[in-house]
Amino acid sequence: MGRLLGKLVDPYIGTIERYVPAIGGISFAPVIGVFVLYLAQNYVLPNFFLLIWRLLG
């Protein structure tokens, strides 16, 4: 189970870690990753689907 989770999450977290270095040995990449997913789920995707709905109908 841990290997599967690692394979799913590591590319996403690795991308964030390239741009946001660890501060004092603490990586903030998981926190930023959750925040980005939250923004996408609550703001970007609903507006995207609303735009598609308006263009098609």
PDB file of N, CA and C in Angstrom:
ATOM      1  N   MET A   1       0.826  -1.191   0.000  1.00  0.00           N
ATOM      2  CA  MET A   1       0.000   0.000   0.000  1.00  0.00           C
ATOM      3  C   MET A   1       0.872   1.258   0.000  1.00  0.00           C
ATOM      4  N   GLY A   2       1.933   1.226   0.766  1.00  0.00           N
ATOM      5  CA  GLY A   2       2.828   2.377   0.838  1.00  0.00           C
ATOM      6  C   GLY A   2       3.539   2.648  -0.475  1.00  0.00           C
ATOM      7  N   ARG A   3       3.917   1.587  -1.164  1.00  0.00           N
ATOM      8  CA  ARG A   3       4.594   1.752  -2.457  1.00  0.00           C
ATOM      9  C   ARG A   3       3.649   2.359  -3.482  1.00  0.00           C
ATOM     10  N   LEU A   4       2.405   1.905  -3.495  1.00  0.00           N
ATOM     11  CA  LEU A   4       1.416   2.437  -4.430  1.00  0.00           C
ATOM     12  C   LEU A   4       1.180   3.917  -4.168  1.00  0.00           C
ATOM     13  N   LEU A   5       1.010   4.270  -2.922  1.00  0.00           N
ATOM     14  CA  LEU A   5       0.803   5.673  -2.562  1.00  0.00           C
ATOM     15  C   LEU A   5       2.017   6.509  -2.942  1.00  0.00           C
ATOM     16  N   GLY A   6       3.196   5.991  -2.714  1.00  0.00           N
ATOM     17  CA  GLY A   6       4.417   6.697  -3.085  1.00  0.00           C
ATOM     18  C   GLY A   6       4.521   6.923  -4.580  1.00  0.00           C
ATOM     19  N   LYS A   7       4.154   5.905  -5.368  1.00  0.00           N
ATOM     20  CA  LYS A   7       4.201   6.048  -6.828  1.00  0.00           C
ATOM     21  C   LYS A   7       3.190   7.076  -7.325  1.00  0.00           C
ATOM     22  N   LEU A   8       2.078   7.203  -6.638  1.00  0.00           N
ATOM     23  CA  LEU A   8       1.060   8.173  -7.044  1.00  0.00           C
ATOM     24  C   LEU A   8       1.416   9.602  -6.639  1.00  0.00           C
ATOM     25  N   VAL A   9       2.015   9.758  -5.480  1.00  0.00           N
ATOM     26  CA  VAL A   9       2.234  11.085  -4.909  1.00  0.00           C
ATOM     27  C   VAL A   9       3.601  11.673  -5.240  1.00  0.00           C
ATOM     28  N   ASP A  10       4.616  10.852  -5.366  1.00  0.00           N
ATOM     29  CA  ASP A  10       5.981  11.351  -5.566  1.00  0.00           C
ATOM     30  C   ASP A  10       6.158  12.270  -6.776  1.00  0.00           C
ATOM     31  N   PRO A  11       5.584  11.975  -7.939  1.00  0.00           N
ATOM     32  CA  PRO A  11       5.770  12.915  -9.055  1.00  0.00           C
ATOM     33  C   PRO A  11       5.177  14.300  -8.766  1.00  0.00           C
ATOM     34  N   TYR A  12       4.035  14.323  -8.130  1.00  0.00           N
ATOM     35  CA  TYR A  12       3.365  15.584  -7.800  1.00  0.00           C
ATOM     36  C   TYR A  12       4.159  16.373  -6.759  1.00  0.00           C
ATOM     37  N   ILE A  13       4.550  15.711  -5.697  1.00  0.00           N
ATOM     38  CA  ILE A  13       5.316  16.360  -4.636  1.00  0.00           C
ATOM     39  C   ILE A  13       6.707  16.734  -5.129  1.00  0.00           C
ATOM     40  N   GLY A  14       7.312  15.885  -5.951  1.00  0.00           N
ATOM     41  CA  GLY A  14       8.639  16.178  -6.500  1.00  0.00           C
ATOM     42  C   GLY A  14       8.649  17.436  -7.338  1.00  0.00           C
ATOM     43  N   THR A  15       7.588  17.643  -8.111  1.00  0.00           N
ATOM     44  CA  THR A  15       7.479  18.860  -8.921  1.00  0.00           C
ATOM     45  C   THR A  15       7.430  20.096  -8.026  1.00  0.00           C
ATOM     46  N   ILE A  16       6.676  20.036  -6.973  1.00  0.00           N
ATOM     47  CA  ILE A  16       6.574  21.180  -6.050  1.00  0.00           C
ATOM     48  C   ILE A  16       7.908  21.397  -5.339  1.00  0.00           C
ATOM     49  N   GLU A  17       8.583  20.319  -4.941  1.00  0.00           N
ATOM     50  CA  GLU A  17       9.856  20.452  -4.231  1.00  0.00           C
ATOM     51  C   GLU A  17      10.940  21.084  -5.091  1.00  0.00           C
ATOM     52  N   ARG A  18      10.840  20.961  -6.416  1.00  0.00           N
ATOM     53  CA  ARG A  18      11.823  21.611  -7.290  1.00  0.00           C
ATOM     54  C   ARG A  18      11.718  23.124  -7.200  1.00  0.00           C
ATOM     55  N   TYR A  19      10.532  23.651  -6.954  1.00  0.00           N
ATOM     56  CA  TYR A  19      10.317  25.097  -6.928  1.00  0.00           C
ATOM     57  C   TYR A  19      10.291  25.677  -5.517  1.00  0.00           C
ATOM     58  N   VAL A  20       9.949  24.859  -4.530  1.00  0.00           N
ATOM     59  CA  VAL A  20       9.889  25.325  -3.143  1.00  0.00           C
ATOM     60  C   VAL A  20      10.846  24.471  -2.317  1.00  0.00           C
ATOM     61  N   PRO A  21      12.024  24.998  -2.026  1.00  0.00           N
ATOM     62  CA  PRO A  21      12.995  24.197  -1.269  1.00  0.00           C
ATOM     63  C   PRO A  21      12.572  24.029   0.193  1.00  0.00           C
ATOM     64  N   ALA A  22      13.133  23.022   0.829  1.00  0.00           N
ATOM     65  CA  ALA A  22      12.874  22.799   2.250  1.00  0.00           C
ATOM     66  C   ALA A  22      13.493  23.931   3.057  1.00  0.00           C
ATOM     67  N   ILE A  23      12.803  24.333   4.092  1.00  0.00           N
ATOM     68  CA  ILE A  23      13.282  25.402   4.970  1.00  0.00           C
ATOM     69  C   ILE A  23      13.590  24.782   6.321  1.00  0.00           C
ATOM     70  N   GLY A  24      14.831  24.842   6.715  1.00  0.00           N
ATOM     71  CA  GLY A  24      15.246  24.271   8.002  1.00  0.00           C
ATOM     72  C   GLY A  24      15.042  22.769   8.056  1.00  0.00           C
ATOM     73  N   GLY A  25      15.138  22.106   6.919  1.00  0.00           N
ATOM     74  CA  GLY A  25      14.961  20.661   6.888  1.00  0.00           C
ATOM     75  C   GLY A  25      13.511  20.212   6.839  1.00  0.00           C
ATOM     76  N   ILE A  26      12.585  21.158   6.777  1.00  0.00           N
ATOM     77  CA  ILE A  26      11.157  20.829   6.730  1.00  0.00           C
ATOM     78  C   ILE A  26      10.634  21.152   5.341  1.00  0.00           C
ATOM     79  N   SER A  27      10.031  20.159   4.699  1.00  0.00           N
ATOM     80  CA  SER A  27       9.475  20.354   3.366  1.00  0.00           C
ATOM     81  C   SER A  27       8.016  20.798   3.487  1.00  0.00           C
ATOM     82  N   PHE A  28       7.695  21.875   2.816  1.00  0.00           N
ATOM     83  CA  PHE A  28       6.328  22.361   2.806  1.00  0.00           C
ATOM     84  C   PHE A  28       5.586  21.932   1.546  1.00  0.00           C
ATOM     85  N   ALA A  29       6.195  21.074   0.739  1.00  0.00           N
ATOM     86  CA  ALA A  29       5.595  20.618  -0.507  1.00  0.00           C
ATOM     87  C   ALA A  29       4.248  19.916  -0.297  1.00  0.00           C
ATOM     88  N   PRO A  30       4.094  19.048   0.702  1.00  0.00           N
ATOM     89  CA  PRO A  30       2.779  18.422   0.893  1.00  0.00           C
ATOM     90  C   PRO A  30       1.682  19.436   1.236  1.00  0.00           C
ATOM     91  N   VAL A  31       2.005  20.428   2.032  1.00  0.00           N
ATOM     92  CA  VAL A  31       1.020  21.449   2.398  1.00  0.00           C
ATOM     93  C   VAL A  31       0.621  22.252   1.160  1.00  0.00           C
ATOM     94  N   ILE A  32       1.607  22.641   0.373  1.00  0.00           N
ATOM     95  CA  ILE A  32       1.336  23.400  -0.846  1.00  0.00           C
ATOM     96  C   ILE A  32       0.557  22.531  -1.833  1.00  0.00           C
ATOM     97  N   GLY A  33       0.899  21.250  -1.920  1.00  0.00           N
ATOM     98  CA  GLY A  33       0.186  20.336  -2.805  1.00  0.00           C
ATOM     99  C   GLY A  33      -1.283  20.207  -2.448  1.00  0.00           C
ATOM    100  N   VAL A  34      -1.577  20.070  -1.170  1.00  0.00           N
ATOM    101  CA  VAL A  34      -2.976  19.978  -0.727  1.00  0.00           C
ATOM    102  C   VAL A  34      -3.699  21.284  -1.013  1.00  0.00           C
ATOM    103  N   PHE A  35      -3.041  22.410  -0.801  1.00  0.00           N
ATOM    104  CA  PHE A  35      -3.644  23.711  -1.071  1.00  0.00           C
ATOM    105  C   PHE A  35      -3.951  23.879  -2.559  1.00  0.00           C
ATOM    106  N   VAL A  36      -3.034  23.466  -3.419  1.00  0.00           N
ATOM    107  CA  VAL A  36      -3.254  23.562  -4.870  1.00  0.00           C
ATOM    108  C   VAL A  36      -4.419  22.669  -5.287  1.00  0.00           C
ATOM    109  N   LEU A  37      -4.482  21.459  -4.754  1.00  0.00           N
ATOM    110  CA  LEU A  37      -5.607  20.577  -5.068  1.00  0.00           C
ATOM    111  C   LEU A  37      -6.927  21.151  -4.578  1.00  0.00           C
ATOM    112  N   TYR A  38      -6.922  21.778  -3.417  1.00  0.00           N
ATOM    113  CA  TYR A  38      -8.115  22.426  -2.888  1.00  0.00           C
ATOM    114  C   TYR A  38      -8.585  23.543  -3.812  1.00  0.00           C
ATOM    115  N   LEU A  39      -7.655  24.390  -4.247  1.00  0.00           N
ATOM    116  CA  LEU A  39      -8.015  25.483  -5.157  1.00  0.00           C
ATOM    117  C   LEU A  39      -8.565  24.952  -6.472  1.00  0.00           C
ATOM    118  N   ALA A  40      -7.930  23.933  -6.996  1.00  0.00           N
ATOM    119  CA  ALA A  40      -8.390  23.356  -8.258  1.00  0.00           C
ATOM    120  C   ALA A  40      -9.789  22.768  -8.118  1.00  0.00           C
ATOM    121  N   GLN A  41     -10.026  22.065  -7.037  1.00  0.00           N
ATOM    122  CA  GLN A  41     -11.312  21.415  -6.844  1.00  0.00           C
ATOM    123  C   GLN A  41     -12.436  22.417  -6.599  1.00  0.00           C
ATOM    124  N   ASN A  42     -12.163  23.469  -5.854  1.00  0.00           N
ATOM    125  CA  ASN A  42     -13.225  24.376  -5.446  1.00  0.00           C
ATOM    126  C   ASN A  42     -13.389  25.612  -6.320  1.00  0.00           C
ATOM    127  N   TYR A  43     -12.386  25.974  -7.106  1.00  0.00           N
ATOM    128  CA  TYR A  43     -12.478  27.198  -7.887  1.00  0.00           C
ATOM    129  C   TYR A  43     -12.242  26.985  -9.383  1.00  0.00           C
ATOM    130  N   VAL A  44     -11.205  26.263  -9.731  1.00  0.00           N
ATOM    131  CA  VAL A  44     -10.845  26.129 -11.144  1.00  0.00           C
ATOM    132  C   VAL A  44     -11.805  25.194 -11.869  1.00  0.00           C
ATOM    133  N   LEU A  45     -11.987  23.981 -11.365  1.00  0.00           N
ATOM    134  CA  LEU A  45     -12.818  23.004 -12.060  1.00  0.00           C
ATOM    135  C   LEU A  45     -14.283  23.422 -12.186  1.00  0.00           C
ATOM    136  N   PRO A  46     -14.925  23.937 -11.140  1.00  0.00           N
ATOM    137  CA  PRO A  46     -16.323  24.359 -11.325  1.00  0.00           C
ATOM    138  C   PRO A  46     -16.468  25.460 -12.384  1.00  0.00           C
ATOM    139  N   ASN A  47     -15.560  26.405 -12.389  1.00  0.00           N
ATOM    140  CA  ASN A  47     -15.635  27.472 -13.386  1.00  0.00           C
ATOM    141  C   ASN A  47     -15.329  26.951 -14.782  1.00  0.00           C
ATOM    142  N   PHE A  48     -14.440  25.998 -14.895  1.00  0.00           N
ATOM    143  CA  PHE A  48     -14.127  25.391 -16.183  1.00  0.00           C
ATOM    144  C   PHE A  48     -15.351  24.664 -16.736  1.00  0.00           C
ATOM    145  N   PHE A  49     -16.007  23.870 -15.895  1.00  0.00           N
ATOM    146  CA  PHE A  49     -17.188  23.144 -16.351  1.00  0.00           C
ATOM    147  C   PHE A  49     -18.338  24.092 -16.666  1.00  0.00           C
ATOM    148  N   LEU A  50     -18.465  25.159 -15.918  1.00  0.00           N
ATOM    149  CA  LEU A  50     -19.498  26.168 -16.223  1.00  0.00           C
ATOM    150  C   LEU A  50     -19.223  26.805 -17.572  1.00  0.00           C
ATOM    151  N   LEU A  51     -17.987  27.109 -17.868  1.00  0.00           N
ATOM    152  CA  LEU A  51     -17.623  27.692 -19.164  1.00  0.00           C
ATOM    153  C   LEU A  51     -17.940  26.714 -20.300  1.00  0.00           C
ATOM    154  N   ILE A  52     -17.588  25.456 -20.130  1.00  0.00           N
ATOM    155  CA  ILE A  52     -17.883  24.436 -21.149  1.00  0.00           C
ATOM    156  C   ILE A  52     -19.397  24.318 -21.336  1.00  0.00           C
ATOM    157  N   TRP A  53     -20.142  24.318 -20.236  1.00  0.00           N
ATOM    158  CA  TRP A  53     -21.599  24.212 -20.306  1.00  0.00           C
ATOM    159  C   TRP A  53     -22.197  25.372 -21.092  1.00  0.00           C
ATOM    160  N   ARG A  54     -21.691  26.577 -20.856  1.00  0.00           N
ATOM    161  CA  ARG A  54     -22.192  27.756 -21.575  1.00  0.00           C
ATOM    162  C   ARG A  54     -21.818  27.742 -23.047  1.00  0.00           C
ATOM    163  N   LEU A  55     -20.640  27.235 -23.374  1.00  0.00           N
ATOM    164  CA  LEU A  55     -20.210  27.189 -24.769  1.00  0.00           C
ATOM    165  C   LEU A  55     -21.001  26.141 -25.554  1.00  0.00           C
ATOM    166  N   LEU A  56     -21.340  25.040 -24.924  1.00  0.00           N
ATOM    167  CA  LEU A  56     -22.044  23.954 -25.606  1.00  0.00           C
ATOM    168  C   LEU A  56     -23.568  24.137 -25.631  1.00  0.00           C
ATOM    169  N   GLY A  57     -24.078  24.906 -24.689  1.00  0.00           N
ATOM    170  CA  GLY A  57     -25.547  24.991 -24.618  1.00  0.00           C
ATOM    171  C   GLY A  57     -26.005  26.342 -24.665  1.00  0.00           C
TER     172      GLY A  57
END
